[in-house]
Each structure stands twice: as structure tokens, then as C-alpha cells.
């Protein structure tokens, strides 16, 4: 299982329907759980990104879920694969 930090921006369509955003997130959470993904955190933010989501799941499942939700037209995402300190230690120990 991998950790993914997802940076989310609302599209013009998403901002027009911003009142529905919390409900859309709840629907995404149900979808994610069905796909074997854990939503470890979600934060609505002020600044460059509108929402930050932390997901735990396989690379394939996370990618598929984000493509599915992105195809609805309300958000655009930028995703980063994240490593814990312990995981990074294992990686650098092999250098």
C-alpha cells in the first residue's frame, strides 16, 4: 500500500457548484473504499490548492479513482507519491 498526497483545484464547474463539494467528497470516499483505498485525511485549503487529500492504496487503484472522479469535470488533481521516514530509510540504505 502506498501513500499519495493529492492536490486538488476546483474547475470553473466545480466552483459554480461549490456548495456540493462536501457531498461530492463523501461520494468519493465511498468509491475509494470500494476500490481498496483508505482516505487518511482531507483538508479544504486557502491558497494555490483548494483541497488536499491523503490517500493510502495501490498506485493503480489511486490512479483509477482519481481518473474517475476527474472525468466528472469538477476538479483537477496533481498527485505525489509519498514515502514515510522508515520507507525512505530503507531506500537510502540500499545506495
PDB file of N, CA and C in Angstrom:
ATOM      1  N   UNK A   1       0.844  -1.174   0.000  1.00  0.00           N
ATOM      2  CA  UNK A   1       0.000   0.000   0.000  1.00  0.00           C
ATOM      3  C   UNK A   1       0.890   1.237   0.000  1.00  0.00           C
ATOM      4  N   UNK A   2       0.562   2.190  -0.852  1.00  0.00           N
ATOM      5  CA  UNK A   2       1.330   3.420  -1.000  1.00  0.00           C
ATOM      6  C   UNK A   2       0.541   4.606  -0.454  1.00  0.00           C
ATOM      7  N   UNK A   3       1.266   5.639  -0.076  1.00  0.00           N
ATOM      8  CA  UNK A   3       0.638   6.887   0.349  1.00  0.00           C
ATOM      9  C   UNK A   3       0.736   7.885  -0.792  1.00  0.00           C
ATOM     10  N   UNK A   4      -0.353   8.593  -1.031  1.00  0.00           N
ATOM     11  CA  UNK A   4      -0.413   9.581  -2.110  1.00  0.00           C
ATOM     12  C   UNK A   4      -0.972  10.882  -1.549  1.00  0.00           C
ATOM     13  N   UNK A   5      -0.282  11.978  -1.832  1.00  0.00           N
ATOM     14  CA  UNK A   5      -0.772  13.306  -1.490  1.00  0.00           C
ATOM     15  C   UNK A   5      -1.407  13.857  -2.762  1.00  0.00           C
ATOM     16  N   UNK A   6      -2.676  14.213  -2.692  1.00  0.00           N
ATOM     17  CA  UNK A   6      -3.400  14.699  -3.864  1.00  0.00           C
ATOM     18  C   UNK A   6      -3.731  16.172  -3.642  1.00  0.00           C
ATOM     19  N   UNK A   7      -3.227  17.013  -4.538  1.00  0.00           N
ATOM     20  CA  UNK A   7      -3.500  18.444  -4.507  1.00  0.00           C
ATOM     21  C   UNK A   7      -4.626  18.703  -5.497  1.00  0.00           C
ATOM     22  N   UNK A   8      -5.689  19.314  -5.029  1.00  0.00           N
ATOM     23  CA  UNK A   8      -6.910  19.441  -5.823  1.00  0.00           C
ATOM     24  C   UNK A   8      -7.236  20.908  -6.060  1.00  0.00           C
ATOM     25  N   UNK A   9      -7.583  21.220  -7.301  1.00  0.00           N
ATOM     26  CA  UNK A   9      -8.132  22.524  -7.647  1.00  0.00           C
ATOM     27  C   UNK A   9      -9.523  22.329  -8.209  1.00  0.00           C
ATOM     28  N   UNK A  10     -10.444  23.170  -7.787  1.00  0.00           N
ATOM     29  CA  UNK A  10     -11.784  23.157  -8.352  1.00  0.00           C
ATOM     30  C   UNK A  10     -11.736  23.781  -9.739  1.00  0.00           C
ATOM     31  N   UNK A  11     -12.445  23.198 -10.686  1.00  0.00           N
ATOM     32  CA  UNK A  11     -12.577  23.777 -12.019  1.00  0.00           C
ATOM     33  C   UNK A  11     -13.655  24.857 -11.965  1.00  0.00           C
ATOM     34  N   UNK A  12     -13.890  25.537 -13.091  1.00  0.00           N
ATOM     35  CA  UNK A  12     -14.985  26.509 -13.140  1.00  0.00           C
ATOM     36  C   UNK A  12     -16.305  25.841 -12.777  1.00  0.00           C
ATOM     37  N   UNK A  13     -16.512  24.634 -13.300  1.00  0.00           N
ATOM     38  CA  UNK A  13     -17.726  23.874 -12.973  1.00  0.00           C
ATOM     39  C   UNK A  13     -17.771  23.561 -11.480  1.00  0.00           C
ATOM     40  N   UNK A  14     -16.644  23.155 -10.919  1.00  0.00           N
ATOM     41  CA  UNK A  14     -16.582  22.811  -9.503  1.00  0.00           C
ATOM     42  C   UNK A  14     -16.862  23.992  -8.599  1.00  0.00           C
ATOM     43  N   UNK A  15     -16.357  25.165  -8.973  1.00  0.00           N
ATOM     44  CA  UNK A  15     -16.580  26.345  -8.134  1.00  0.00           C
ATOM     45  C   UNK A  15     -18.022  26.832  -8.254  1.00  0.00           C
ATOM     46  N   UNK A  16     -18.631  26.656  -9.434  1.00  0.00           N
ATOM     47  CA  UNK A  16     -20.051  27.021  -9.577  1.00  0.00           C
ATOM     48  C   UNK A  16     -20.927  26.174  -8.653  1.00  0.00           C
ATOM     49  N   UNK A  17     -20.489  24.949  -8.411  1.00  0.00           N
ATOM     50  CA  UNK A  17     -21.250  24.015  -7.573  1.00  0.00           C
ATOM     51  C   UNK A  17     -20.550  23.759  -6.240  1.00  0.00           C
ATOM     52  N   UNK A  18     -19.845  24.748  -5.718  1.00  0.00           N
ATOM     53  CA  UNK A  18     -19.009  24.557  -4.534  1.00  0.00           C
ATOM     54  C   UNK A  18     -19.818  24.099  -3.313  1.00  0.00           C
ATOM     55  N   UNK A  19     -21.082  24.481  -3.234  1.00  0.00           N
ATOM     56  CA  UNK A  19     -21.896  24.055  -2.089  1.00  0.00           C
ATOM     57  C   UNK A  19     -22.045  22.539  -2.039  1.00  0.00           C
ATOM     58  N   UNK A  20     -21.882  21.875  -3.183  1.00  0.00           N
ATOM     59  CA  UNK A  20     -21.995  20.417  -3.252  1.00  0.00           C
ATOM     60  C   UNK A  20     -20.665  19.718  -2.968  1.00  0.00           C
ATOM     61  N   UNK A  21     -19.597  20.484  -2.818  1.00  0.00           N
ATOM     62  CA  UNK A  21     -18.265  19.894  -2.679  1.00  0.00           C
ATOM     63  C   UNK A  21     -18.148  18.905  -1.518  1.00  0.00           C
ATOM     64  N   UNK A  22     -18.631  19.221  -0.321  1.00  0.00           N
ATOM     65  CA  UNK A  22     -18.529  18.225   0.763  1.00  0.00           C
ATOM     66  C   UNK A  22     -19.281  16.928   0.452  1.00  0.00           C
ATOM     67  N   UNK A  23     -20.437  17.038  -0.200  1.00  0.00           N
ATOM     68  CA  UNK A  23     -21.187  15.836  -0.575  1.00  0.00           C
ATOM     69  C   UNK A  23     -20.444  15.043  -1.646  1.00  0.00           C
ATOM     70  N   UNK A  24     -19.823  15.753  -2.591  1.00  0.00           N
ATOM     71  CA  UNK A  24     -19.038  15.057  -3.624  1.00  0.00           C
ATOM     72  C   UNK A  24     -17.861  14.340  -2.985  1.00  0.00           C
ATOM     73  N   UNK A  25     -17.241  14.958  -1.977  1.00  0.00           N
ATOM     74  CA  UNK A  25     -16.139  14.277  -1.297  1.00  0.00           C
ATOM     75  C   UNK A  25     -16.632  13.007  -0.617  1.00  0.00           C
ATOM     76  N   UNK A  26     -17.776  13.067   0.043  1.00  0.00           N
ATOM     77  CA  UNK A  26     -18.314  11.871   0.706  1.00  0.00           C
ATOM     78  C   UNK A  26     -18.564  10.760  -0.311  1.00  0.00           C
ATOM     79  N   UNK A  27     -19.061  11.116  -1.497  1.00  0.00           N
ATOM     80  CA  UNK A  27     -19.268  10.118  -2.556  1.00  0.00           C
ATOM     81  C   UNK A  27     -17.932   9.546  -3.014  1.00  0.00           C
ATOM     82  N   UNK A  28     -16.906  10.408  -3.109  1.00  0.00           N
ATOM     83  CA  UNK A  28     -15.574   9.922  -3.480  1.00  0.00           C
ATOM     84  C   UNK A  28     -15.042   8.959  -2.427  1.00  0.00           C
ATOM     85  N   UNK A  29     -15.268   9.271  -1.171  1.00  0.00           N
ATOM     86  CA  UNK A  29     -14.783   8.417  -0.084  1.00  0.00           C
ATOM     87  C   UNK A  29     -15.389   7.017  -0.180  1.00  0.00           C
ATOM     88  N   UNK A  30     -16.671   6.930  -0.494  1.00  0.00           N
ATOM     89  CA  UNK A  30     -17.332   5.631  -0.672  1.00  0.00           C
ATOM     90  C   UNK A  30     -16.706   4.890  -1.845  1.00  0.00           C
ATOM     91  N   UNK A  31     -16.510   5.586  -2.974  1.00  0.00           N
ATOM     92  CA  UNK A  31     -15.871   4.984  -4.146  1.00  0.00           C
ATOM     93  C   UNK A  31     -14.479   4.482  -3.796  1.00  0.00           C
ATOM     94  N   UNK A  32     -13.705   5.317  -3.115  1.00  0.00           N
ATOM     95  CA  UNK A  32     -12.330   4.950  -2.758  1.00  0.00           C
ATOM     96  C   UNK A  32     -12.311   3.683  -1.910  1.00  0.00           C
ATOM     97  N   UNK A  33     -13.170   3.619  -0.919  1.00  0.00           N
ATOM     98  CA  UNK A  33     -13.205   2.444  -0.044  1.00  0.00           C
ATOM     99  C   UNK A  33     -13.566   1.184  -0.822  1.00  0.00           C
ATOM    100  N   UNK A  34     -14.485   1.299  -1.783  1.00  0.00           N
ATOM    101  CA  UNK A  34     -14.846   0.152  -2.623  1.00  0.00           C
ATOM    102  C   UNK A  34     -13.660  -0.316  -3.464  1.00  0.00           C
ATOM    103  N   UNK A  35     -12.743   0.617  -3.764  1.00  0.00           N
ATOM    104  CA  UNK A  35     -11.573   0.295  -4.584  1.00  0.00           C
ATOM    105  C   UNK A  35     -10.364  -0.087  -3.734  1.00  0.00           C
ATOM    106  N   UNK A  36     -10.566  -0.230  -2.421  1.00  0.00           N
ATOM    107  CA  UNK A  36      -9.475  -0.629  -1.540  1.00  0.00           C
ATOM    108  C   UNK A  36      -8.560   0.503  -1.121  1.00  0.00           C
ATOM    109  N   UNK A  37      -9.045   1.725  -1.219  1.00  0.00           N
ATOM    110  CA  UNK A  37      -8.264   2.914  -0.875  1.00  0.00           C
ATOM    111  C   UNK A  37      -8.767   3.464   0.454  1.00  0.00           C
ATOM    112  N   UNK A  38      -7.843   3.846   1.317  1.00  0.00           N
ATOM    113  CA  UNK A  38      -8.182   4.496   2.578  1.00  0.00           C
ATOM    114  C   UNK A  38      -7.961   5.993   2.431  1.00  0.00           C
ATOM    115  N   UNK A  39      -8.953   6.782   2.798  1.00  0.00           N
ATOM    116  CA  UNK A  39      -8.794   8.237   2.828  1.00  0.00           C
ATOM    117  C   UNK A  39      -8.254   8.573   4.211  1.00  0.00           C
ATOM    118  N   UNK A  40      -6.963   8.897   4.278  1.00  0.00           N
ATOM    119  CA  UNK A  40      -6.306   9.158   5.558  1.00  0.00           C
ATOM    120  C   UNK A  40      -6.545  10.582   6.045  1.00  0.00           C
ATOM    121  N   UNK A  41      -6.903  11.473   5.131  1.00  0.00           N
ATOM    122  CA  UNK A  41      -7.167  12.849   5.527  1.00  0.00           C
ATOM    123  C   UNK A  41      -7.651  13.673   4.359  1.00  0.00           C
ATOM    124  N   UNK A  42      -8.431  14.695   4.657  1.00  0.00           N
ATOM    125  CA  UNK A  42      -8.863  15.662   3.645  1.00  0.00           C
ATOM    126  C   UNK A  42      -8.921  17.025   4.315  1.00  0.00           C
ATOM    127  N   UNK A  43      -8.416  18.024   3.606  1.00  0.00           N
ATOM    128  CA  UNK A  43      -8.378  19.386   4.136  1.00  0.00           C
ATOM    129  C   UNK A  43      -8.769  20.358   3.034  1.00  0.00           C
ATOM    130  N   UNK A  44      -9.747  21.196   3.305  1.00  0.00           N
ATOM    131  CA  UNK A  44     -10.050  22.307   2.408  1.00  0.00           C
ATOM    132  C   UNK A  44      -9.054  23.406   2.762  1.00  0.00           C
ATOM    133  N   UNK A  45      -8.405  23.971   1.752  1.00  0.00           N
ATOM    134  CA  UNK A  45      -7.305  24.894   1.997  1.00  0.00           C
ATOM    135  C   UNK A  45      -7.528  26.226   1.281  1.00  0.00           C
ATOM    136  N   UNK A  46      -6.797  27.222   1.711  1.00  0.00           N
ATOM    137  CA  UNK A  46      -6.800  28.537   1.089  1.00  0.00           C
ATOM    138  C   UNK A  46      -5.410  28.754   0.525  1.00  0.00           C
ATOM    139  N   UNK A  47      -5.326  29.138  -0.726  1.00  0.00           N
ATOM    140  CA  UNK A  47      -4.032  29.334  -1.365  1.00  0.00           C
ATOM    141  C   UNK A  47      -4.039  28.724  -2.749  1.00  0.00           C
ATOM    142  N   UNK A  48      -2.897  28.195  -3.161  1.00  0.00           N
ATOM    143  CA  UNK A  48      -2.749  27.660  -4.518  1.00  0.00           C
ATOM    144  C   UNK A  48      -3.690  26.487  -4.791  1.00  0.00           C
ATOM    145  N   UNK A  49      -3.945  25.658  -3.791  1.00  0.00           N
ATOM    146  CA  UNK A  49      -4.817  24.496  -3.945  1.00  0.00           C
ATOM    147  C   UNK A  49      -6.057  24.662  -3.078  1.00  0.00           C
ATOM    148  N   UNK A  50      -7.157  24.102  -3.556  1.00  0.00           N
ATOM    149  CA  UNK A  50      -8.424  24.221  -2.840  1.00  0.00           C
ATOM    150  C   UNK A  50      -8.635  23.107  -1.819  1.00  0.00           C
ATOM    151  N   UNK A  51      -8.080  21.934  -2.112  1.00  0.00           N
ATOM    152  CA  UNK A  51      -8.264  20.767  -1.249  1.00  0.00           C
ATOM    153  C   UNK A  51      -6.980  19.947  -1.281  1.00  0.00           C
ATOM    154  N   UNK A  52      -6.616  19.371  -0.150  1.00  0.00           N
ATOM    155  CA  UNK A  52      -5.506  18.422  -0.076  1.00  0.00           C
ATOM    156  C   UNK A  52      -6.072  17.124   0.498  1.00  0.00           C
ATOM    157  N   UNK A  53      -5.811  16.017  -0.209  1.00  0.00           N
ATOM    158  CA  UNK A  53      -6.315  14.713   0.214  1.00  0.00           C
ATOM    159  C   UNK A  53      -5.131  13.767   0.387  1.00  0.00           C
ATOM    160  N   UNK A  54      -5.150  12.969   1.432  1.00  0.00           N
ATOM    161  CA  UNK A  54      -4.122  11.956   1.659  1.00  0.00           C
ATOM    162  C   UNK A  54      -4.788  10.594   1.506  1.00  0.00           C
ATOM    163  N   UNK A  55      -4.280   9.823   0.541  1.00  0.00           N
ATOM    164  CA  UNK A  55      -4.845   8.511   0.234  1.00  0.00           C
ATOM    165  C   UNK A  55      -3.818   7.426   0.479  1.00  0.00           C
ATOM    166  N   UNK A  56      -4.289   6.258   0.872  1.00  0.00           N
ATOM    167  CA  UNK A  56      -3.431   5.083   1.017  1.00  0.00           C
ATOM    168  C   UNK A  56      -4.055   3.957   0.213  1.00  0.00           C
ATOM    169  N   UNK A  57      -3.294   3.448  -0.755  1.00  0.00           N
ATOM    170  CA  UNK A  57      -3.786   2.379  -1.609  1.00  0.00           C
ATOM    171  C   UNK A  57      -2.761   2.065  -2.672  1.00  0.00           C
ATOM    172  N   UNK A  58      -3.074   1.108  -3.518  1.00  0.00           N
ATOM    173  CA  UNK A  58      -2.146   0.763  -4.596  1.00  0.00           C
ATOM    174  C   UNK A  58      -2.092   1.909  -5.600  1.00  0.00           C
ATOM    175  N   UNK A  59      -0.963   2.023  -6.286  1.00  0.00           N
ATOM    176  CA  UNK A  59      -0.810   3.061  -7.305  1.00  0.00           C
ATOM    177  C   UNK A  59      -1.929   2.963  -8.340  1.00  0.00           C
ATOM    178  N   UNK A  60      -2.239   1.739  -8.752  1.00  0.00           N
ATOM    179  CA  UNK A  60      -3.257   1.528  -9.782  1.00  0.00           C
ATOM    180  C   UNK A  60      -4.643   1.949  -9.307  1.00  0.00           C
ATOM    181  N   UNK A  61      -5.001   1.581  -8.082  1.00  0.00           N
ATOM    182  CA  UNK A  61      -6.326   1.927  -7.560  1.00  0.00           C
ATOM    183  C   UNK A  61      -6.471   3.433  -7.389  1.00  0.00           C
ATOM    184  N   UNK A  62      -5.443   4.076  -6.856  1.00  0.00           N
ATOM    185  CA  UNK A  62      -5.495   5.530  -6.664  1.00  0.00           C
ATOM    186  C   UNK A  62      -5.607   6.231  -8.012  1.00  0.00           C
ATOM    187  N   UNK A  63      -4.808   5.802  -8.984  1.00  0.00           N
ATOM    188  CA  UNK A  63      -4.863   6.412 -10.313  1.00  0.00           C
ATOM    189  C   UNK A  63      -6.250   6.252 -10.919  1.00  0.00           C
ATOM    190  N   UNK A  64      -6.804   5.046 -10.854  1.00  0.00           N
ATOM    191  CA  UNK A  64      -8.131   4.796 -11.424  1.00  0.00           C
ATOM    192  C   UNK A  64      -9.200   5.646 -10.741  1.00  0.00           C
ATOM    193  N   UNK A  65      -9.155   5.736  -9.420  1.00  0.00           N
ATOM    194  CA  UNK A  65     -10.153   6.519  -8.685  1.00  0.00           C
ATOM    195  C   UNK A  65     -10.067   7.999  -9.049  1.00  0.00           C
ATOM    196  N   UNK A  66      -8.846   8.519  -9.162  1.00  0.00           N
ATOM    197  CA  UNK A  66      -8.691   9.935  -9.492  1.00  0.00           C
ATOM    198  C   UNK A  66      -9.094  10.225 -10.931  1.00  0.00           C
ATOM    199  N   UNK A  67      -8.825   9.289 -11.841  1.00  0.00           N
ATOM    200  CA  UNK A  67      -9.286   9.472 -13.221  1.00  0.00           C
ATOM    201  C   UNK A  67     -10.811   9.477 -13.277  1.00  0.00           C
ATOM    202  N   UNK A  68     -11.424   8.591 -12.515  1.00  0.00           N
ATOM    203  CA  UNK A  68     -12.889   8.512 -12.496  1.00  0.00           C
ATOM    204  C   UNK A  68     -13.497   9.807 -11.970  1.00  0.00           C
ATOM    205  N   UNK A  69     -13.007  10.272 -10.837  1.00  0.00           N
ATOM    206  CA  UNK A  69     -13.581  11.489 -10.256  1.00  0.00           C
ATOM    207  C   UNK A  69     -13.210  12.713 -11.100  1.00  0.00           C
ATOM    208  N   UNK A  70     -12.023  12.725 -11.684  1.00  0.00           N
ATOM    209  CA  UNK A  70     -11.624  13.835 -12.545  1.00  0.00           C
ATOM    210  C   UNK A  70     -12.473  13.941 -13.794  1.00  0.00           C
ATOM    211  N   UNK A  71     -12.937  12.803 -14.295  1.00  0.00           N
ATOM    212  CA  UNK A  71     -13.739  12.804 -15.520  1.00  0.00           C
ATOM    213  C   UNK A  71     -15.107  13.456 -15.321  1.00  0.00           C
ATOM    214  N   UNK A  72     -15.504  13.682 -14.079  1.00  0.00           N
ATOM    215  CA  UNK A  72     -16.780  14.344 -13.806  1.00  0.00           C
ATOM    216  C   UNK A  72     -16.704  15.850 -14.049  1.00  0.00           C
ATOM    217  N   UNK A  73     -15.480  16.392 -14.123  1.00  0.00           N
ATOM    218  CA  UNK A  73     -15.296  17.784 -14.501  1.00  0.00           C
ATOM    219  C   UNK A  73     -15.281  18.810 -13.392  1.00  0.00           C
ATOM    220  N   UNK A  74     -15.342  18.392 -12.142  1.00  0.00           N
ATOM    221  CA  UNK A  74     -15.373  19.354 -11.039  1.00  0.00           C
ATOM    222  C   UNK A  74     -14.006  19.697 -10.478  1.00  0.00           C
ATOM    223  N   UNK A  75     -13.029  18.825 -10.693  1.00  0.00           N
ATOM    224  CA  UNK A  75     -11.693  19.040 -10.119  1.00  0.00           C
ATOM    225  C   UNK A  75     -10.596  18.684 -11.115  1.00  0.00           C
ATOM    226  N   UNK A  76      -9.418  19.230 -10.832  1.00  0.00           N
ATOM    227  CA  UNK A  76      -8.168  18.811 -11.466  1.00  0.00           C
ATOM    228  C   UNK A  76      -7.236  18.438 -10.320  1.00  0.00           C
ATOM    229  N   UNK A  77      -6.454  17.393 -10.537  1.00  0.00           N
ATOM    230  CA  UNK A  77      -5.594  16.923  -9.454  1.00  0.00           C
ATOM    231  C   UNK A  77      -4.135  16.884  -9.870  1.00  0.00           C
ATOM    232  N   UNK A  78      -3.290  17.001  -8.874  1.00  0.00           N
ATOM    233  CA  UNK A  78      -1.845  16.771  -9.001  1.00  0.00           C
ATOM    234  C   UNK A  78      -1.507  15.819  -7.857  1.00  0.00           C
ATOM    235  N   UNK A  79      -0.901  14.699  -8.193  1.00  0.00           N
ATOM    236  CA  UNK A  79      -0.687  13.653  -7.198  1.00  0.00           C
ATOM    237  C   UNK A  79       0.795  13.399  -6.983  1.00  0.00           C
ATOM    238  N   UNK A  80       1.176  13.239  -5.730  1.00  0.00           N
ATOM    239  CA  UNK A  80       2.562  12.929  -5.378  1.00  0.00           C
ATOM    240  C   UNK A  80       2.593  11.636  -4.591  1.00  0.00           C
ATOM    241  N   UNK A  81       3.463  10.733  -4.973  1.00  0.00           N
ATOM    242  CA  UNK A  81       3.705   9.501  -4.203  1.00  0.00           C
ATOM    243  C   UNK A  81       4.534   9.919  -3.005  1.00  0.00           C
ATOM    244  N   UNK A  82       4.102   9.561  -1.808  1.00  0.00           N
ATOM    245  CA  UNK A  82       4.789   9.974  -0.584  1.00  0.00           C
ATOM    246  C   UNK A  82       5.401   8.764   0.109  1.00  0.00           C
ATOM    247  N   UNK A  83       6.525   8.989   0.775  1.00  0.00           N
ATOM    248  CA  UNK A  83       7.238   7.932   1.494  1.00  0.00           C
ATOM    249  C   UNK A  83       7.381   8.331   2.958  1.00  0.00           C
ATOM    250  N   UNK A  84       7.144   7.395   3.846  1.00  0.00           N
ATOM    251  CA  UNK A  84       7.378   7.640   5.269  1.00  0.00           C
ATOM    252  C   UNK A  84       8.884   7.706   5.509  1.00  0.00           C
ATOM    253  N   UNK A  85       9.268   8.180   6.669  1.00  0.00           N
ATOM    254  CA  UNK A  85      10.688   8.219   7.024  1.00  0.00           C
ATOM    255  C   UNK A  85      11.265   6.809   6.994  1.00  0.00           C
ATOM    256  N   UNK A  86      10.516   5.842   7.513  1.00  0.00           N
ATOM    257  CA  UNK A  86      11.003   4.456   7.543  1.00  0.00           C
ATOM    258  C   UNK A  86      11.206   3.912   6.133  1.00  0.00           C
ATOM    259  N   UNK A  87      10.261   4.191   5.240  1.00  0.00           N
ATOM    260  CA  UNK A  87      10.385   3.719   3.856  1.00  0.00           C
ATOM    261  C   UNK A  87      11.573   4.376   3.162  1.00  0.00           C
ATOM    262  N   UNK A  88      11.776   5.657   3.410  1.00  0.00           N
ATOM    263  CA  UNK A  88      12.912   6.351   2.798  1.00  0.00           C
ATOM    264  C   UNK A  88      14.220   5.805   3.345  1.00  0.00           C
ATOM    265  N   UNK A  89      14.246   5.485   4.630  1.00  0.00           N
ATOM    266  CA  UNK A  89      15.450   4.912   5.230  1.00  0.00           C
ATOM    267  C   UNK A  89      15.818   3.605   4.516  1.00  0.00           C
ATOM    268  N   UNK A  90      14.821   2.761   4.253  1.00  0.00           N
ATOM    269  CA  UNK A  90      15.078   1.503   3.544  1.00  0.00           C
ATOM    270  C   UNK A  90      15.615   1.763   2.138  1.00  0.00           C
ATOM    271  N   UNK A  91      15.081   2.763   1.479  1.00  0.00           N
ATOM    272  CA  UNK A  91      15.545   3.092   0.129  1.00  0.00           C
ATOM    273  C   UNK A  91      16.994   3.561   0.131  1.00  0.00           C
ATOM    274  N   UNK A  92      17.318   4.467   1.041  1.00  0.00           N
ATOM    275  CA  UNK A  92      18.675   5.017   1.028  1.00  0.00           C
ATOM    276  C   UNK A  92      19.692   4.049   1.607  1.00  0.00           C
ATOM    277  N   UNK A  93      19.254   3.112   2.424  1.00  0.00           N
ATOM    278  CA  UNK A  93      20.185   2.104   2.945  1.00  0.00           C
ATOM    279  C   UNK A  93      20.748   1.235   1.833  1.00  0.00           C
ATOM    280  N   UNK A  94      20.047   1.145   0.718  1.00  0.00           N
ATOM    281  CA  UNK A  94      20.497   0.324  -0.404  1.00  0.00           C
ATOM    282  C   UNK A  94      21.374   1.085  -1.389  1.00  0.00           C
ATOM    283  N   UNK A  95      21.673   2.327  -1.123  1.00  0.00           N
ATOM    284  CA  UNK A  95      22.509   3.124  -2.042  1.00  0.00           C
ATOM    285  C   UNK A  95      23.975   2.781  -1.881  1.00  0.00           C
TER     286      UNK A  95
END
